[in-house]
């Protein structure tokens, strides 16, 4: 059964660049230094991680801080 996960991630390369004060070297928006929360539909936490890593590759500096399963209240 597919579930909804909330993934929090940021970009370490952007954070590091901003900490050095080298704003002009940014390839991505400076907002990526802060956490972004993205909803992912997946069968498992592992599949949610794979989907996020496909769209936001670690090799490009994206770091997943946390993956949480959304609770449904009915």
N, C-alpha and C. Protein backbone atom coordinates (compact mmCIF):
# COMPACT_ATOMS: atom_id res chain seq x y z
N UNK A 1 0.84 -1.19 0.00
CA UNK A 1 0.00 0.00 0.00
C UNK A 1 0.88 1.25 0.00
N UNK A 2 0.55 2.16 -0.88
CA UNK A 2 1.33 3.39 -0.92
C UNK A 2 0.97 4.29 0.25
N UNK A 3 1.99 4.97 0.74
CA UNK A 3 1.84 5.87 1.88
C UNK A 3 2.48 7.21 1.54
N UNK A 4 2.15 8.21 2.33
CA UNK A 4 2.75 9.53 2.13
C UNK A 4 3.85 9.75 3.16
N UNK A 5 5.02 10.13 2.67
CA UNK A 5 6.17 10.43 3.52
C UNK A 5 6.54 11.90 3.33
N UNK A 6 6.96 12.54 4.40
CA UNK A 6 7.51 13.89 4.30
C UNK A 6 9.02 13.78 4.47
N UNK A 7 9.72 14.30 3.47
CA UNK A 7 11.18 14.24 3.47
C UNK A 7 11.70 15.66 3.68
N UNK A 8 12.60 15.82 4.65
CA UNK A 8 13.25 17.11 4.85
C UNK A 8 14.68 17.01 4.32
N UNK A 9 15.04 17.95 3.47
CA UNK A 9 16.39 17.93 2.90
C UNK A 9 16.88 19.35 2.63
N UNK A 10 18.18 19.45 2.48
CA UNK A 10 18.85 20.72 2.17
C UNK A 10 20.02 20.40 1.25
N UNK A 11 20.71 21.44 0.80
CA UNK A 11 21.87 21.23 -0.05
C UNK A 11 23.13 21.70 0.67
N UNK A 12 24.00 20.75 0.96
CA UNK A 12 25.23 21.04 1.69
C UNK A 12 26.17 21.95 0.89
N UNK A 13 26.22 21.77 -0.41
CA UNK A 13 27.10 22.62 -1.23
C UNK A 13 26.67 24.08 -1.16
N UNK A 14 25.36 24.31 -1.16
CA UNK A 14 24.85 25.68 -1.04
C UNK A 14 25.17 26.24 0.34
N UNK A 15 24.95 25.44 1.38
CA UNK A 15 25.27 25.89 2.76
C UNK A 15 26.75 26.27 2.86
N UNK A 16 27.60 25.39 2.38
CA UNK A 16 29.05 25.63 2.47
C UNK A 16 29.45 26.89 1.70
N UNK A 17 28.88 27.06 0.51
CA UNK A 17 29.19 28.24 -0.30
C UNK A 17 28.77 29.52 0.41
N UNK A 18 27.59 29.51 1.00
CA UNK A 18 27.11 30.70 1.71
C UNK A 18 27.94 30.98 2.97
N UNK A 19 28.35 29.92 3.66
CA UNK A 19 29.18 30.11 4.85
C UNK A 19 30.53 30.73 4.49
N UNK A 20 31.03 30.44 3.30
CA UNK A 20 32.29 31.04 2.84
C UNK A 20 32.08 32.46 2.34
N UNK A 21 30.81 32.87 2.17
CA UNK A 21 30.52 34.20 1.67
C UNK A 21 30.69 34.34 0.18
N UNK A 22 30.64 33.21 -0.53
CA UNK A 22 30.88 33.20 -1.97
C UNK A 22 29.55 33.07 -2.73
N UNK A 23 28.62 33.99 -2.46
CA UNK A 23 27.27 33.93 -3.02
C UNK A 23 27.25 33.85 -4.55
N UNK A 24 28.22 34.48 -5.20
CA UNK A 24 28.23 34.52 -6.66
C UNK A 24 28.54 33.16 -7.27
N UNK A 25 29.07 32.23 -6.50
CA UNK A 25 29.40 30.91 -7.01
C UNK A 25 28.23 29.94 -6.94
N UNK A 26 27.10 30.40 -6.43
CA UNK A 26 25.94 29.51 -6.28
C UNK A 26 25.39 29.07 -7.62
N UNK A 27 25.11 27.77 -7.72
CA UNK A 27 24.48 27.20 -8.91
C UNK A 27 22.97 27.07 -8.66
N UNK A 28 22.61 26.77 -7.41
CA UNK A 28 21.21 26.64 -7.01
C UNK A 28 20.78 27.87 -6.22
N UNK A 29 19.50 28.00 -6.02
CA UNK A 29 18.96 29.09 -5.21
C UNK A 29 19.49 29.00 -3.78
N UNK A 30 19.80 30.13 -3.19
CA UNK A 30 20.34 30.18 -1.83
C UNK A 30 19.38 29.56 -0.81
N UNK A 31 18.11 29.50 -1.13
CA UNK A 31 17.13 28.89 -0.25
C UNK A 31 17.41 27.44 0.05
N UNK A 32 18.17 26.77 -0.81
CA UNK A 32 18.50 25.36 -0.57
C UNK A 32 19.44 25.17 0.61
N UNK A 33 19.95 26.25 1.17
CA UNK A 33 20.75 26.13 2.40
C UNK A 33 19.84 25.77 3.58
N UNK A 34 18.55 26.08 3.44
CA UNK A 34 17.56 25.79 4.48
C UNK A 34 16.83 24.49 4.15
N UNK A 35 16.19 23.94 5.15
CA UNK A 35 15.42 22.72 4.94
C UNK A 35 14.23 22.96 4.02
N UNK A 36 14.01 22.00 3.14
CA UNK A 36 12.82 21.94 2.30
C UNK A 36 12.07 20.69 2.71
N UNK A 37 10.76 20.78 2.69
CA UNK A 37 9.91 19.64 3.05
C UNK A 37 9.14 19.21 1.81
N UNK A 38 9.33 17.96 1.43
CA UNK A 38 8.74 17.45 0.20
C UNK A 38 7.95 16.19 0.51
N UNK A 39 6.73 16.13 0.01
CA UNK A 39 5.92 14.93 0.19
C UNK A 39 6.22 13.94 -0.93
N UNK A 40 6.33 12.67 -0.54
CA UNK A 40 6.62 11.60 -1.48
C UNK A 40 5.63 10.47 -1.24
N UNK A 41 5.06 9.94 -2.31
CA UNK A 41 4.18 8.78 -2.21
C UNK A 41 5.03 7.56 -2.54
N UNK A 42 5.06 6.59 -1.61
CA UNK A 42 5.88 5.40 -1.80
C UNK A 42 5.34 4.26 -0.95
N UNK A 43 5.80 3.06 -1.26
CA UNK A 43 5.39 1.87 -0.51
C UNK A 43 6.14 1.74 0.82
N UNK A 44 7.35 2.32 0.88
CA UNK A 44 8.18 2.17 2.07
C UNK A 44 9.08 3.39 2.22
N UNK A 45 9.69 3.49 3.39
CA UNK A 45 10.66 4.56 3.65
C UNK A 45 11.84 4.46 2.68
N UNK A 46 12.27 3.21 2.43
CA UNK A 46 13.39 2.99 1.50
C UNK A 46 13.06 3.45 0.09
N UNK A 47 11.84 3.17 -0.35
CA UNK A 47 11.43 3.60 -1.69
C UNK A 47 11.31 5.13 -1.74
N UNK A 48 10.83 5.74 -0.67
CA UNK A 48 10.75 7.20 -0.61
C UNK A 48 12.15 7.80 -0.74
N UNK A 49 13.12 7.21 -0.06
CA UNK A 49 14.51 7.68 -0.14
C UNK A 49 15.03 7.56 -1.57
N UNK A 50 14.76 6.42 -2.22
CA UNK A 50 15.21 6.23 -3.60
C UNK A 50 14.61 7.28 -4.53
N UNK A 51 13.33 7.56 -4.35
CA UNK A 51 12.67 8.55 -5.21
C UNK A 51 13.24 9.95 -5.00
N UNK A 52 13.48 10.31 -3.76
CA UNK A 52 14.07 11.63 -3.48
C UNK A 52 15.49 11.70 -4.03
N UNK A 53 16.29 10.65 -3.81
CA UNK A 53 17.67 10.65 -4.30
C UNK A 53 17.73 10.71 -5.82
N UNK A 54 16.72 10.18 -6.50
CA UNK A 54 16.69 10.25 -7.97
C UNK A 54 16.45 11.68 -8.44
N UNK A 55 15.61 12.40 -7.70
CA UNK A 55 15.27 13.78 -8.09
C UNK A 55 16.27 14.80 -7.52
N UNK A 56 16.79 14.50 -6.32
CA UNK A 56 17.73 15.39 -5.63
C UNK A 56 18.97 14.57 -5.27
N UNK A 57 19.88 14.38 -6.23
CA UNK A 57 21.02 13.47 -6.03
C UNK A 57 22.01 13.92 -4.95
N UNK A 58 22.42 12.98 -4.11
CA UNK A 58 23.43 13.30 -3.09
C UNK A 58 24.73 13.83 -3.72
N UNK A 59 25.09 13.33 -4.89
CA UNK A 59 26.34 13.79 -5.53
C UNK A 59 26.29 15.27 -5.89
N UNK A 60 25.08 15.84 -5.93
CA UNK A 60 24.93 17.27 -6.19
C UNK A 60 24.79 18.06 -4.89
N UNK A 61 25.00 17.39 -3.77
CA UNK A 61 25.02 18.07 -2.48
C UNK A 61 23.75 17.96 -1.65
N UNK A 62 22.74 17.27 -2.16
CA UNK A 62 21.49 17.17 -1.41
C UNK A 62 21.62 16.17 -0.27
N UNK A 63 21.20 16.59 0.90
CA UNK A 63 21.29 15.78 2.11
C UNK A 63 19.89 15.60 2.69
N UNK A 64 19.50 14.35 2.88
CA UNK A 64 18.22 14.06 3.54
C UNK A 64 18.45 14.12 5.04
N UNK A 65 17.69 14.96 5.70
CA UNK A 65 17.80 15.05 7.15
C UNK A 65 16.88 14.05 7.83
N UNK A 66 15.66 13.89 7.27
CA UNK A 66 14.70 13.01 7.93
C UNK A 66 13.62 12.59 6.93
N UNK A 67 13.10 11.39 7.13
CA UNK A 67 11.95 10.90 6.37
C UNK A 67 10.91 10.45 7.38
N UNK A 68 9.74 11.08 7.33
CA UNK A 68 8.68 10.76 8.28
C UNK A 68 7.45 10.26 7.55
N UNK A 69 6.85 9.21 8.09
CA UNK A 69 5.58 8.71 7.57
C UNK A 69 4.47 9.60 8.08
N UNK A 70 3.66 10.10 7.16
CA UNK A 70 2.53 10.94 7.55
C UNK A 70 1.45 10.07 8.17
N UNK A 71 0.93 10.50 9.27
CA UNK A 71 -0.18 9.78 9.92
C UNK A 71 -1.49 10.33 9.37
N UNK A 72 -2.39 9.41 9.10
CA UNK A 72 -3.71 9.83 8.60
C UNK A 72 -4.70 9.77 9.74
N UNK A 73 -5.38 10.88 9.94
CA UNK A 73 -6.41 10.97 10.97
C UNK A 73 -7.75 11.05 10.28
N UNK A 74 -8.59 10.11 10.55
CA UNK A 74 -9.89 10.07 9.91
C UNK A 74 -10.99 10.17 10.95
